[in-house]
Full PDB file with SEQRES, HELIX, SHEET, SSBOND, CRYST1, ORIGX, SCALE, CONECT and MASTER records, all heavy atoms in Angstrom:
SEQRES   1 A   42  HIS HIS CYS LEU GLY CYS ILE TRP SER ARG ARG ASP LYS          
SEQRES   2 A   42  LYS GLU ASN LYS GLN LEU ALA GLN SER ILE ARG ALA THR          
SEQRES   3 A   42  ILE SER GLN PHE ASN ALA VAL THR ASN CYS VAL LEU SER          
SEQRES   4 A   42  THR ILE LEU                                                  
HELIX    1 AA1 GLY A    5  TRP A    8  1                                   4    
HELIX    2 AA2 LYS A   14  ASN A   16  5                                   3    
HELIX    3 AA3 GLN A   21  ILE A   41  1                                  21    
CRYST1    1.000    1.000    1.000  90.00  90.00  90.00 P 1           1          
ORIGX1      1.000000  0.000000  0.000000        0.00000                         
ORIGX2      0.000000  1.000000  0.000000        0.00000                         
ORIGX3      0.000000  0.000000  1.000000        0.00000                         
SCALE1      1.000000  0.000000  0.000000        0.00000                         
SCALE2      0.000000  1.000000  0.000000        0.00000                         
SCALE3      0.000000  0.000000  1.000000        0.00000                         
ATOM      1  N   HIS A   1      65.946 -29.699 115.644  1.00  0.00           N  
ATOM      2  CA  HIS A   1      66.500 -30.016 114.336  1.00  0.00           C  
ATOM      3  C   HIS A   1      65.960 -29.142 113.203  1.00  0.00           C  
ATOM      4  O   HIS A   1      66.502 -29.054 112.165  1.00  0.00           O  
ATOM      5  CB  HIS A   1      66.439 -31.471 114.024  1.00  0.00           C  
ATOM      6  CG  HIS A   1      65.039 -31.987 113.536  1.00  0.00           C  
ATOM      7  ND1 HIS A   1      64.096 -32.413 114.447  1.00  0.00           N  
ATOM      8  CD2 HIS A   1      64.504 -32.003 112.293  1.00  0.00           C  
ATOM      9  CE1 HIS A   1      63.006 -32.754 113.750  1.00  0.00           C  
ATOM     10  NE2 HIS A   1      63.208 -32.495 112.495  1.00  0.00           N  
ATOM     11  N   HIS A   2      64.733 -28.501 113.470  1.00  0.00           N  
ATOM     12  CA  HIS A   2      64.211 -27.582 112.509  1.00  0.00           C  
ATOM     13  C   HIS A   2      65.038 -26.291 112.354  1.00  0.00           C  
ATOM     14  O   HIS A   2      64.909 -25.557 111.414  1.00  0.00           O  
ATOM     15  CB  HIS A   2      62.781 -27.229 112.898  1.00  0.00           C  
ATOM     16  CG  HIS A   2      61.790 -28.281 112.647  1.00  0.00           C  
ATOM     17  ND1 HIS A   2      60.439 -28.213 112.988  1.00  0.00           N  
ATOM     18  CD2 HIS A   2      61.886 -29.493 112.022  1.00  0.00           C  
ATOM     19  CE1 HIS A   2      59.848 -29.316 112.654  1.00  0.00           C  
ATOM     20  NE2 HIS A   2      60.679 -30.126 112.030  1.00  0.00           N  
ATOM     21  N   CYS A   3      65.956 -26.106 113.356  1.00  0.00           N  
ATOM     22  CA  CYS A   3      66.762 -24.941 113.309  1.00  0.00           C  
ATOM     23  C   CYS A   3      67.990 -25.090 112.367  1.00  0.00           C  
ATOM     24  O   CYS A   3      68.649 -24.113 112.020  1.00  0.00           O  
ATOM     25  CB  CYS A   3      67.359 -24.603 114.700  1.00  0.00           C  
ATOM     26  SG  CYS A   3      66.106 -24.167 115.932  1.00  0.00           S  
ATOM     27  N   LEU A   4      68.241 -26.339 111.878  1.00  0.00           N  
ATOM     28  CA  LEU A   4      69.333 -26.607 111.012  1.00  0.00           C  
ATOM     29  C   LEU A   4      69.233 -25.744 109.689  1.00  0.00           C  
ATOM     30  O   LEU A   4      68.079 -25.582 109.189  1.00  0.00           O  
ATOM     31  CB  LEU A   4      69.356 -28.097 110.621  1.00  0.00           C  
ATOM     32  CG  LEU A   4      69.775 -29.070 111.767  1.00  0.00           C  
ATOM     33  CD1 LEU A   4      69.573 -30.446 111.304  1.00  0.00           C  
ATOM     34  CD2 LEU A   4      71.251 -28.835 112.167  1.00  0.00           C  
ATOM     35  N   GLY A   5      70.285 -25.243 109.242  1.00  0.00           N  
ATOM     36  CA  GLY A   5      70.324 -24.412 108.062  1.00  0.00           C  
ATOM     37  C   GLY A   5      69.616 -25.131 106.857  1.00  0.00           C  
ATOM     38  O   GLY A   5      68.980 -24.448 106.078  1.00  0.00           O  
ATOM     39  N   CYS A   6      69.907 -26.424 106.685  1.00  0.00           N  
ATOM     40  CA  CYS A   6      69.357 -27.110 105.519  1.00  0.00           C  
ATOM     41  C   CYS A   6      67.810 -27.235 105.586  1.00  0.00           C  
ATOM     42  O   CYS A   6      67.180 -27.426 104.521  1.00  0.00           O  
ATOM     43  CB  CYS A   6      69.941 -28.566 105.449  1.00  0.00           C  
ATOM     44  SG  CYS A   6      69.563 -29.568 106.901  1.00  0.00           S  
ATOM     45  N   ILE A   7      67.217 -27.042 106.773  1.00  0.00           N  
ATOM     46  CA  ILE A   7      65.738 -27.070 106.857  1.00  0.00           C  
ATOM     47  C   ILE A   7      65.219 -25.679 106.892  1.00  0.00           C  
ATOM     48  O   ILE A   7      64.301 -25.330 106.130  1.00  0.00           O  
ATOM     49  CB  ILE A   7      65.348 -27.830 108.141  1.00  0.00           C  
ATOM     50  CG1 ILE A   7      65.743 -29.307 108.058  1.00  0.00           C  
ATOM     51  CG2 ILE A   7      63.812 -27.726 108.337  1.00  0.00           C  
ATOM     52  CD1 ILE A   7      65.471 -30.117 109.267  1.00  0.00           C  
ATOM     53  N   TRP A   8      65.736 -24.788 107.743  1.00  0.00           N  
ATOM     54  CA  TRP A   8      65.235 -23.470 107.924  1.00  0.00           C  
ATOM     55  C   TRP A   8      65.389 -22.630 106.663  1.00  0.00           C  
ATOM     56  O   TRP A   8      64.508 -21.804 106.355  1.00  0.00           O  
ATOM     57  CB  TRP A   8      65.949 -22.802 109.110  1.00  0.00           C  
ATOM     58  CG  TRP A   8      65.505 -21.377 109.392  1.00  0.00           C  
ATOM     59  CD1 TRP A   8      66.232 -20.274 109.317  1.00  0.00           C  
ATOM     60  CD2 TRP A   8      64.221 -20.993 109.778  1.00  0.00           C  
ATOM     61  NE1 TRP A   8      65.475 -19.145 109.672  1.00  0.00           N  
ATOM     62  CE2 TRP A   8      64.232 -19.570 109.940  1.00  0.00           C  
ATOM     63  CE3 TRP A   8      62.995 -21.673 110.019  1.00  0.00           C  
ATOM     64  CZ2 TRP A   8      63.086 -18.864 110.362  1.00  0.00           C  
ATOM     65  CZ3 TRP A   8      61.906 -20.935 110.398  1.00  0.00           C  
ATOM     66  CH2 TRP A   8      61.913 -19.591 110.560  1.00  0.00           C  
ATOM     67  N   SER A   9      66.395 -22.836 105.890  1.00  0.00           N  
ATOM     68  CA  SER A   9      66.599 -22.043 104.669  1.00  0.00           C  
ATOM     69  C   SER A   9      65.636 -22.388 103.600  1.00  0.00           C  
ATOM     70  O   SER A   9      65.481 -21.635 102.626  1.00  0.00           O  
ATOM     71  CB  SER A   9      68.020 -22.284 104.096  1.00  0.00           C  
ATOM     72  OG  SER A   9      68.256 -23.601 103.809  1.00  0.00           O  
ATOM     73  N   ARG A  10      64.846 -23.452 103.700  1.00  0.00           N  
ATOM     74  CA  ARG A  10      63.907 -23.887 102.681  1.00  0.00           C  
ATOM     75  C   ARG A  10      62.445 -23.497 103.103  1.00  0.00           C  
ATOM     76  O   ARG A  10      61.542 -23.780 102.385  1.00  0.00           O  
ATOM     77  CB  ARG A  10      63.915 -25.374 102.550  1.00  0.00           C  
ATOM     78  CG  ARG A  10      65.235 -26.005 102.129  1.00  0.00           C  
ATOM     79  CD  ARG A  10      64.964 -27.385 101.514  1.00  0.00           C  
ATOM     80  NE  ARG A  10      64.148 -28.228 102.308  1.00  0.00           N  
ATOM     81  CZ  ARG A  10      64.631 -29.151 103.152  1.00  0.00           C  
ATOM     82  NH1 ARG A  10      65.857 -29.283 103.359  1.00  0.00           N  
ATOM     83  NH2 ARG A  10      63.698 -29.868 103.842  1.00  0.00           N  
ATOM     84  N   ARG A  11      62.292 -22.739 104.167  1.00  0.00           N  
ATOM     85  CA  ARG A  11      61.017 -22.398 104.692  1.00  0.00           C  
ATOM     86  C   ARG A  11      60.142 -21.548 103.806  1.00  0.00           C  
ATOM     87  O   ARG A  11      58.907 -21.564 103.863  1.00  0.00           O  
ATOM     88  CB  ARG A  11      61.103 -21.735 106.064  1.00  0.00           C  
ATOM     89  CG  ARG A  11      61.625 -20.326 105.895  1.00  0.00           C  
ATOM     90  CD  ARG A  11      62.063 -19.716 107.306  1.00  0.00           C  
ATOM     91  NE  ARG A  11      62.505 -18.350 107.177  1.00  0.00           N  
ATOM     92  CZ  ARG A  11      63.676 -18.002 106.729  1.00  0.00           C  
ATOM     93  NH1 ARG A  11      64.581 -18.890 106.258  1.00  0.00           N  
ATOM     94  NH2 ARG A  11      64.047 -16.737 106.623  1.00  0.00           N  
ATOM     95  N   ASP A  12      60.737 -20.790 102.848  1.00  0.00           N  
ATOM     96  CA  ASP A  12      59.976 -19.895 102.086  1.00  0.00           C  
ATOM     97  C   ASP A  12      59.430 -20.442 100.725  1.00  0.00           C  
ATOM     98  O   ASP A  12      58.791 -19.808  99.975  1.00  0.00           O  
ATOM     99  CB  ASP A  12      60.784 -18.591 101.740  1.00  0.00           C  
ATOM    100  CG  ASP A  12      61.041 -17.773 103.017  1.00  0.00           C  
ATOM    101  OD1 ASP A  12      60.106 -17.632 103.789  1.00  0.00           O  
ATOM    102  OD2 ASP A  12      62.148 -17.355 103.252  1.00  0.00           O  
ATOM    103  N   LYS A  13      59.848 -21.750 100.467  1.00  0.00           N  
ATOM    104  CA  LYS A  13      59.319 -22.367  99.281  1.00  0.00           C  
ATOM    105  C   LYS A  13      57.812 -22.631  99.457  1.00  0.00           C  
ATOM    106  O   LYS A  13      57.353 -22.939 100.561  1.00  0.00           O  
ATOM    107  CB  LYS A  13      60.059 -23.668  99.004  1.00  0.00           C  
ATOM    108  CG  LYS A  13      61.534 -23.478  98.589  1.00  0.00           C  
ATOM    109  CD  LYS A  13      62.161 -24.786  98.232  1.00  0.00           C  
ATOM    110  CE  LYS A  13      63.595 -24.565  97.791  1.00  0.00           C  
ATOM    111  NZ  LYS A  13      64.309 -25.849  97.477  1.00  0.00           N  
ATOM    112  N   LYS A  14      57.128 -22.564  98.346  1.00  0.00           N  
ATOM    113  CA  LYS A  14      55.624 -22.700  98.396  1.00  0.00           C  
ATOM    114  C   LYS A  14      55.193 -23.982  99.062  1.00  0.00           C  
ATOM    115  O   LYS A  14      54.230 -24.034  99.853  1.00  0.00           O  
ATOM    116  CB  LYS A  14      55.043 -22.606  97.036  1.00  0.00           C  
ATOM    117  CG  LYS A  14      55.207 -21.246  96.388  1.00  0.00           C  
ATOM    118  CD  LYS A  14      54.571 -21.184  95.005  1.00  0.00           C  
ATOM    119  CE  LYS A  14      54.726 -19.825  94.345  1.00  0.00           C  
ATOM    120  NZ  LYS A  14      54.146 -19.805  92.960  1.00  0.00           N  
ATOM    121  N   GLU A  15      55.921 -25.075  98.838  1.00  0.00           N  
ATOM    122  CA  GLU A  15      55.509 -26.347  99.406  1.00  0.00           C  
ATOM    123  C   GLU A  15      55.878 -26.460 100.823  1.00  0.00           C  
ATOM    124  O   GLU A  15      55.541 -27.526 101.494  1.00  0.00           O  
ATOM    125  CB  GLU A  15      56.149 -27.534  98.586  1.00  0.00           C  
ATOM    126  CG  GLU A  15      57.672 -27.564  98.631  1.00  0.00           C  
ATOM    127  CD  GLU A  15      58.327 -26.725  97.557  1.00  0.00           C  
ATOM    128  OE1 GLU A  15      57.677 -25.838  97.010  1.00  0.00           O  
ATOM    129  OE2 GLU A  15      59.490 -26.965  97.269  1.00  0.00           O  
ATOM    130  N   ASN A  16      56.656 -25.553 101.386  1.00  0.00           N  
ATOM    131  CA  ASN A  16      57.105 -25.609 102.796  1.00  0.00           C  
ATOM    132  C   ASN A  16      56.446 -24.600 103.753  1.00  0.00           C  
ATOM    133  O   ASN A  16      57.074 -24.196 104.682  1.00  0.00           O  
ATOM    134  CB  ASN A  16      58.618 -25.464 102.837  1.00  0.00           C  
ATOM    135  CG  ASN A  16      59.310 -26.614 102.141  1.00  0.00           C  
ATOM    136  OD1 ASN A  16      58.832 -27.738 102.099  1.00  0.00           O  
ATOM    137  ND2 ASN A  16      60.514 -26.384 101.634  1.00  0.00           N  
ATOM    138  N   LYS A  17      55.244 -24.168 103.410  1.00  0.00           N  
ATOM    139  CA  LYS A  17      54.595 -23.165 104.245  1.00  0.00           C  
ATOM    140  C   LYS A  17      54.338 -23.643 105.687  1.00  0.00           C  
ATOM    141  O   LYS A  17      54.211 -22.859 106.563  1.00  0.00           O  
ATOM    142  CB  LYS A  17      53.275 -22.746 103.546  1.00  0.00           C  
ATOM    143  CG  LYS A  17      53.437 -21.967 102.282  1.00  0.00           C  
ATOM    144  CD  LYS A  17      52.085 -21.535 101.732  1.00  0.00           C  
ATOM    145  CE  LYS A  17      52.260 -20.695 100.446  1.00  0.00           C  
ATOM    146  NZ  LYS A  17      50.928 -20.184  99.926  1.00  0.00           N  
ATOM    147  N   GLN A  18      54.215 -24.968 105.874  1.00  0.00           N  
ATOM    148  CA  GLN A  18      53.950 -25.472 107.182  1.00  0.00           C  
ATOM    149  C   GLN A  18      55.249 -25.927 107.875  1.00  0.00           C  
ATOM    150  O   GLN A  18      55.176 -26.527 108.985  1.00  0.00           O  
ATOM    151  CB  GLN A  18      52.964 -26.683 107.126  1.00  0.00           C  
ATOM    152  CG  GLN A  18      51.621 -26.288 106.523  1.00  0.00           C  
ATOM    153  CD  GLN A  18      50.912 -25.185 107.301  1.00  0.00           C  
ATOM    154  OE1 GLN A  18      50.940 -25.164 108.500  1.00  0.00           O  
ATOM    155  NE2 GLN A  18      50.334 -24.210 106.508  1.00  0.00           N  
ATOM    156  N   LEU A  19      56.392 -25.673 107.277  1.00  0.00           N  
ATOM    157  CA  LEU A  19      57.648 -26.133 107.800  1.00  0.00           C  
ATOM    158  C   LEU A  19      58.075 -25.248 109.008  1.00  0.00           C  
ATOM    159  O   LEU A  19      57.974 -24.029 108.978  1.00  0.00           O  
ATOM    160  CB  LEU A  19      58.740 -26.064 106.728  1.00  0.00           C  
ATOM    161  CG  LEU A  19      60.116 -26.670 107.019  1.00  0.00           C  
ATOM    162  CD1 LEU A  19      59.964 -28.171 107.266  1.00  0.00           C  
ATOM    163  CD2 LEU A  19      61.131 -26.353 106.009  1.00  0.00           C  
ATOM    164  N   ALA A  20      58.594 -25.933 110.013  1.00  0.00           N  
ATOM    165  CA  ALA A  20      59.251 -25.241 111.215  1.00  0.00           C  
ATOM    166  C   ALA A  20      58.224 -24.272 111.849  1.00  0.00           C  
ATOM    167  O   ALA A  20      58.575 -23.152 112.138  1.00  0.00           O  
ATOM    168  CB  ALA A  20      60.479 -24.476 110.788  1.00  0.00           C  
ATOM    169  N   GLN A  21      57.020 -24.744 112.088  1.00  0.00           N  
ATOM    170  CA  GLN A  21      55.975 -23.864 112.725  1.00  0.00           C  
ATOM    171  C   GLN A  21      56.358 -23.457 114.153  1.00  0.00           C  
ATOM    172  O   GLN A  21      56.070 -22.339 114.543  1.00  0.00           O  
ATOM    173  CB  GLN A  21      54.659 -24.632 112.787  1.00  0.00           C  
ATOM    174  CG  GLN A  21      53.979 -24.775 111.410  1.00  0.00           C  
ATOM    175  CD  GLN A  21      53.700 -23.427 110.749  1.00  0.00           C  
ATOM    176  OE1 GLN A  21      53.123 -22.529 111.488  1.00  0.00           O  
ATOM    177  NE2 GLN A  21      53.942 -23.274 109.509  1.00  0.00           N  
ATOM    178  N   SER A  22      57.091 -24.288 114.837  1.00  0.00           N  
ATOM    179  CA  SER A  22      57.514 -23.923 116.255  1.00  0.00           C  
ATOM    180  C   SER A  22      58.441 -22.748 116.234  1.00  0.00           C  
ATOM    181  O   SER A  22      58.438 -21.934 117.135  1.00  0.00           O  
ATOM    182  CB  SER A  22      58.111 -25.119 116.931  1.00  0.00           C  
ATOM    183  OG  SER A  22      59.322 -25.577 116.263  1.00  0.00           O  
ATOM    184  N   ILE A  23      59.317 -22.661 115.215  1.00  0.00           N  
ATOM    185  CA  ILE A  23      60.238 -21.572 115.128  1.00  0.00           C  
ATOM    186  C   ILE A  23      59.442 -20.330 114.671  1.00  0.00           C  
ATOM    187  O   ILE A  23      59.740 -19.262 115.184  1.00  0.00           O  
ATOM    188  CB  ILE A  23      61.372 -21.895 114.120  1.00  0.00           C  
ATOM    189  CG1 ILE A  23      62.183 -23.119 114.569  1.00  0.00           C  
ATOM    190  CG2 ILE A  23      62.350 -20.683 113.984  1.00  0.00           C  
ATOM    191  CD1 ILE A  23      63.241 -23.534 113.633  1.00  0.00           C  
ATOM    192  N   ARG A  24      58.605 -20.433 113.718  1.00  0.00           N  
ATOM    193  CA  ARG A  24      57.809 -19.302 113.311  1.00  0.00           C  
ATOM    194  C   ARG A  24      56.981 -18.697 114.401  1.00  0.00           C  
ATOM    195  O   ARG A  24      56.843 -17.536 114.495  1.00  0.00           O  
ATOM    196  CB  ARG A  24      56.859 -19.763 112.158  1.00  0.00           C  
ATOM    197  CG  ARG A  24      57.501 -20.206 110.844  1.00  0.00           C  
ATOM    198  CD  ARG A  24      56.534 -20.651 109.900  1.00  0.00           C  
ATOM    199  NE  ARG A  24      57.118 -21.305 108.717  1.00  0.00           N  
ATOM    200  CZ  ARG A  24      57.416 -20.696 107.598  1.00  0.00           C  
ATOM    201  NH1 ARG A  24      57.273 -19.442 107.473  1.00  0.00           N  
ATOM    202  NH2 ARG A  24      57.967 -21.318 106.552  1.00  0.00           N  
ATOM    203  N   ALA A  25      56.588 -19.569 115.365  1.00  0.00           N  
ATOM    204  CA  ALA A  25      55.770 -19.076 116.507  1.00  0.00           C  
ATOM    205  C   ALA A  25      56.677 -18.190 117.372  1.00  0.00           C  
ATOM    206  O   ALA A  25      56.227 -17.148 117.861  1.00  0.00           O  
ATOM    207  CB  ALA A  25      55.286 -20.237 117.328  1.00  0.00           C  
ATOM    208  N   THR A  26      57.919 -18.539 117.575  1.00  0.00           N  
ATOM    209  CA  THR A  26      58.814 -17.708 118.390  1.00  0.00           C  
ATOM    210  C   THR A  26      59.086 -16.397 117.702  1.00  0.00           C  
ATOM    211  O   THR A  26      59.251 -15.380 118.300  1.00  0.00           O  
ATOM    212  CB  THR A  26      60.147 -18.460 118.634  1.00  0.00           C  
ATOM    213  OG1 THR A  26      60.863 -18.670 117.438  1.00  0.00           O  
ATOM    214  CG2 THR A  26      59.952 -19.808 119.360  1.00  0.00           C  
ATOM    215  N   ILE A  27      59.164 -16.407 116.382  1.00  0.00           N  
ATOM    216  CA  ILE A  27      59.394 -15.230 115.615  1.00  0.00           C  
ATOM    217  C   ILE A  27      58.228 -14.277 115.687  1.00  0.00           C  
ATOM    218  O   ILE A  27      58.285 -13.101 115.841  1.00  0.00           O  
ATOM    219  CB  ILE A  27      59.726 -15.588 114.120  1.00  0.00           C  
ATOM    220  CG1 ILE A  27      60.978 -16.356 114.017  1.00  0.00           C  
ATOM    221  CG2 ILE A  27      59.803 -14.303 113.241  1.00  0.00           C  
ATOM    222  CD1 ILE A  27      61.286 -16.902 112.690  1.00  0.00           C  
ATOM    223  N   SER A  28      56.991 -14.865 115.584  1.00  0.00           N  
ATOM    224  CA  SER A  28      55.764 -14.084 115.745  1.00  0.00           C  
ATOM    225  C   SER A  28      55.657 -13.396 117.133  1.00  0.00           C  
ATOM    226  O   SER A  28      55.255 -12.235 117.249  1.00  0.00           O  
ATOM    227  CB  SER A  28      54.563 -14.986 115.493  1.00  0.00           C  
ATOM    228  OG  SER A  28      54.507 -15.448 114.163  1.00  0.00           O  
ATOM    229  N   GLN A  29      56.074 -14.144 118.124  1.00  0.00           N  
ATOM    230  CA  GLN A  29      56.074 -13.579 119.494  1.00  0.00           C  
ATOM    231  C   GLN A  29      57.088 -12.438 119.617  1.00  0.00           C  
ATOM    232  O   GLN A  29      56.779 -11.366 120.183  1.00  0.00           O  
ATOM    233  CB  GLN A  29      56.402 -14.693 120.495  1.00  0.00           C  
ATOM    234  CG  GLN A  29      56.588 -14.171 121.993  1.00  0.00           C  
ATOM    235  CD  GLN A  29      55.361 -13.581 122.565  1.00  0.00           C  
ATOM    236  OE1 GLN A  29      54.263 -13.741 122.043  1.00  0.00           O  
ATOM    237  NE2 GLN A  29      55.492 -12.908 123.712  1.00  0.00           N  
ATOM    238  N   PHE A  30      58.266 -12.618 119.011  1.00  0.00           N  
ATOM    239  CA  PHE A  30      59.293 -11.551 119.013  1.00  0.00           C  
ATOM    240  C   PHE A  30      58.719 -10.335 118.349  1.00  0.00           C  
ATOM    241  O   PHE A  30      58.862  -9.213 118.870  1.00  0.00           O  
ATOM    242  CB  PHE A  30      60.560 -12.037 118.265  1.00  0.00           C  
ATOM    243  CG  PHE A  30      61.717 -11.156 118.373  1.00  0.00           C  
ATOM    244  CD1 PHE A  30      62.714 -11.454 119.257  1.00  0.00           C  
ATOM    245  CD2 PHE A  30      61.812 -10.066 117.519  1.00  0.00           C  
ATOM    246  CE1 PHE A  30      63.859 -10.568 119.330  1.00  0.00           C  
ATOM    247  CE2 PHE A  30      62.921  -9.171 117.613  1.00  0.00           C  
ATOM    248  CZ  PHE A  30      63.924  -9.492 118.505  1.00  0.00           C  
ATOM    249  N   ASN A  31      58.065 -10.522 117.224  1.00  0.00           N  
ATOM    250  CA  ASN A  31      57.448  -9.379 116.488  1.00  0.00           C  
ATOM    251  C   ASN A  31      56.364  -8.698 117.299  1.00  0.00           C  
ATOM    252  O   ASN A  31      56.258  -7.503 117.336  1.00  0.00           O  
ATOM    253  CB  ASN A  31      56.849  -9.868 115.177  1.00  0.00           C  
ATOM    254  CG  ASN A  31      57.855  -9.824 114.083  1.00  0.00           C  
ATOM    255  OD1 ASN A  31      58.987  -9.360 114.264  1.00  0.00           O  
ATOM    256  ND2 ASN A  31      57.424 -10.365 112.942  1.00  0.00           N  
ATOM    257  N   ALA A  32      55.584  -9.545 118.058  1.00  0.00           N  
ATOM    258  CA  ALA A  32      54.532  -8.993 118.822  1.00  0.00           C  
ATOM    259  C   ALA A  32      55.044  -8.124 119.952  1.00  0.00           C  
ATOM    260  O   ALA A  32      54.483  -7.042 120.293  1.00  0.00           O  
ATOM    261  CB  ALA A  32      53.678 -10.138 119.413  1.00  0.00           C  
ATOM    262  N   VAL A  33      56.098  -8.540 120.630  1.00  0.00           N  
ATOM    263  CA  VAL A  33      56.739  -7.757 121.689  1.00  0.00           C  
ATOM    264  C   VAL A  33      57.247  -6.460 121.127  1.00  0.00           C  
ATOM    265  O   VAL A  33      57.036  -5.364 121.681  1.00  0.00           O  
ATOM    266  CB  VAL A  33      57.868  -8.529 122.362  1.00  0.00           C  
ATOM    267  CG1 VAL A  33      58.617  -7.644 123.416  1.00  0.00           C  
ATOM    268  CG2 VAL A  33      57.337  -9.748 123.035  1.00  0.00           C  
ATOM    269  N   THR A  34      57.983  -6.521 119.987  1.00  0.00           N  
ATOM    270  CA  THR A  34      58.496  -5.277 119.352  1.00  0.00           C  
ATOM    271  C   THR A  34      57.357  -4.300 119.018  1.00  0.00           C  
ATOM    272  O   THR A  34      57.397  -3.129 119.289  1.00  0.00           O  
ATOM    273  CB  THR A  34      59.251  -5.626 118.074  1.00  0.00           C  
ATOM    274  OG1 THR A  34      60.320  -6.538 118.411  1.00  0.00           O  
ATOM    275  CG2 THR A  34      59.869  -4.386 117.407  1.00  0.00           C  
ATOM    276  N   ASN A  35      56.335  -4.886 118.401  1.00  0.00           N  
ATOM    277  CA  ASN A  35      55.155  -4.036 118.017  1.00  0.00           C  
ATOM    278  C   ASN A  35      54.450  -3.416 119.260  1.00  0.00           C  
ATOM    279  O   ASN A  35      53.959  -2.301 119.200  1.00  0.00           O  
ATOM    280  CB  ASN A  35      54.135  -4.813 117.211  1.00  0.00           C  
ATOM    281  CG  ASN A  35      53.002  -4.033 116.654  1.00  0.00           C  
ATOM    282  OD1 ASN A  35      53.185  -3.191 115.814  1.00  0.00           O  
ATOM    283  ND2 ASN A  35      51.821  -4.209 117.256  1.00  0.00           N  
ATOM    284  N   CYS A  36      54.435  -4.185 120.322  1.00  0.00           N  
ATOM    285  CA  CYS A  36      53.777  -3.671 121.579  1.00  0.00           C  
ATOM    286  C   CYS A  36      54.512  -2.451 122.078  1.00  0.00           C  
ATOM    287  O   CYS A  36      53.914  -1.499 122.517  1.00  0.00           O  
ATOM    288  CB  CYS A  36      53.714  -4.801 122.622  1.00  0.00           C  
ATOM    289  SG  CYS A  36      52.881  -4.339 124.156  1.00  0.00           S  
ATOM    290  N   VAL A  37      55.889  -2.519 122.076  1.00  0.00           N  
ATOM    291  CA  VAL A  37      56.655  -1.408 122.507  1.00  0.00           C  
ATOM    292  C   VAL A  37      56.409  -0.183 121.643  1.00  0.00           C  
ATOM    293  O   VAL A  37      56.120   0.970 122.100  1.00  0.00           O  
ATOM    294  CB  VAL A  37      58.123  -1.743 122.473  1.00  0.00           C  
ATOM    295  CG1 VAL A  37      59.056  -0.555 122.871  1.00  0.00           C  
ATOM    296  CG2 VAL A  37      58.510  -2.912 123.427  1.00  0.00           C  
ATOM    297  N   LEU A  38      56.428  -0.384 120.261  1.00  0.00           N  
ATOM    298  CA  LEU A  38      56.242   0.702 119.343  1.00  0.00           C  
ATOM    299  C   LEU A  38      54.820   1.304 119.521  1.00  0.00           C  
ATOM    300  O   LEU A  38      54.671   2.546 119.399  1.00  0.00           O  
ATOM    301  CB  LEU A  38      56.426   0.170 117.936  1.00  0.00           C  
ATOM    302  CG  LEU A  38      57.852  -0.272 117.638  1.00  0.00           C  
ATOM    303  CD1 LEU A  38      57.866  -0.939 116.215  1.00  0.00           C  
ATOM    304  CD2 LEU A  38      58.829   0.883 117.632  1.00  0.00           C  
ATOM    305  N   SER A  39      53.801   0.504 119.661  1.00  0.00           N  
ATOM    306  CA  SER A  39      52.438   1.004 119.606  1.00  0.00           C  
ATOM    307  C   SER A  39      52.162   1.794 120.973  1.00  0.00           C  
ATOM    308  O   SER A  39      51.487   2.862 120.874  1.00  0.00           O  
ATOM    309  CB  SER A  39      51.413  -0.141 119.587  1.00  0.00           C  
ATOM    310  OG  SER A  39      51.540  -1.075 120.685  1.00  0.00           O  
ATOM    311  N   THR A  40      52.727   1.367 122.062  1.00  0.00           N  
ATOM    312  CA  THR A  40      52.513   2.118 123.335  1.00  0.00           C  
ATOM    313  C   THR A  40      53.208   3.456 123.288  1.00  0.00           C  
ATOM    314  O   THR A  40      52.769   4.409 123.919  1.00  0.00           O  
ATOM    315  CB  THR A  40      53.028   1.333 124.532  1.00  0.00           C  
ATOM    316  OG1 THR A  40      54.415   0.976 124.322  1.00  0.00           O  
ATOM    317  CG2 THR A  40      52.182   0.115 124.745  1.00  0.00           C  
ATOM    318  N   ILE A  41      54.318   3.523 122.510  1.00  0.00           N  
ATOM    319  CA  ILE A  41      55.069   4.828 122.494  1.00  0.00           C  
ATOM    320  C   ILE A  41      54.529   5.748 121.388  1.00  0.00           C  
ATOM    321  O   ILE A  41      54.403   6.978 121.567  1.00  0.00           O  
ATOM    322  CB  ILE A  41      56.550   4.535 122.191  1.00  0.00           C  
ATOM    323  CG1 ILE A  41      57.202   3.734 123.347  1.00  0.00           C  
ATOM    324  CG2 ILE A  41      57.357   5.854 121.963  1.00  0.00           C  
ATOM    325  CD1 ILE A  41      58.530   3.241 123.106  1.00  0.00           C  
ATOM    326  N   LEU A  42      54.142   5.178 120.231  1.00  0.00           N  
ATOM    327  CA  LEU A  42      53.882   6.027 119.044  1.00  0.00           C  
ATOM    328  C   LEU A  42      52.379   6.180 118.640  1.00  0.00           C  
ATOM    329  O   LEU A  42      52.056   7.103 117.942  1.00  0.00           O  
ATOM    330  CB  LEU A  42      54.586   5.418 117.825  1.00  0.00           C  
ATOM    331  CG  LEU A  42      56.149   5.298 117.929  1.00  0.00           C  
ATOM    332  CD1 LEU A  42      56.688   4.577 116.724  1.00  0.00           C  
ATOM    333  CD2 LEU A  42      56.730   6.726 118.099  1.00  0.00           C  
TER     334      LEU A  42                                                      
MASTER        0    0    0    3    0    0    0    6  333    1    0    4          
END                                                                             
């Protein structure tokens, strides 16, 4: 339910820094994979 637009769209407000941490973790992992590809190549 943290994926709902009414929740996820509020994540950048100062008081919501801890909101939807499980989704943020998947995003960080996605970034890490992308960065791993780039670093090995470049």
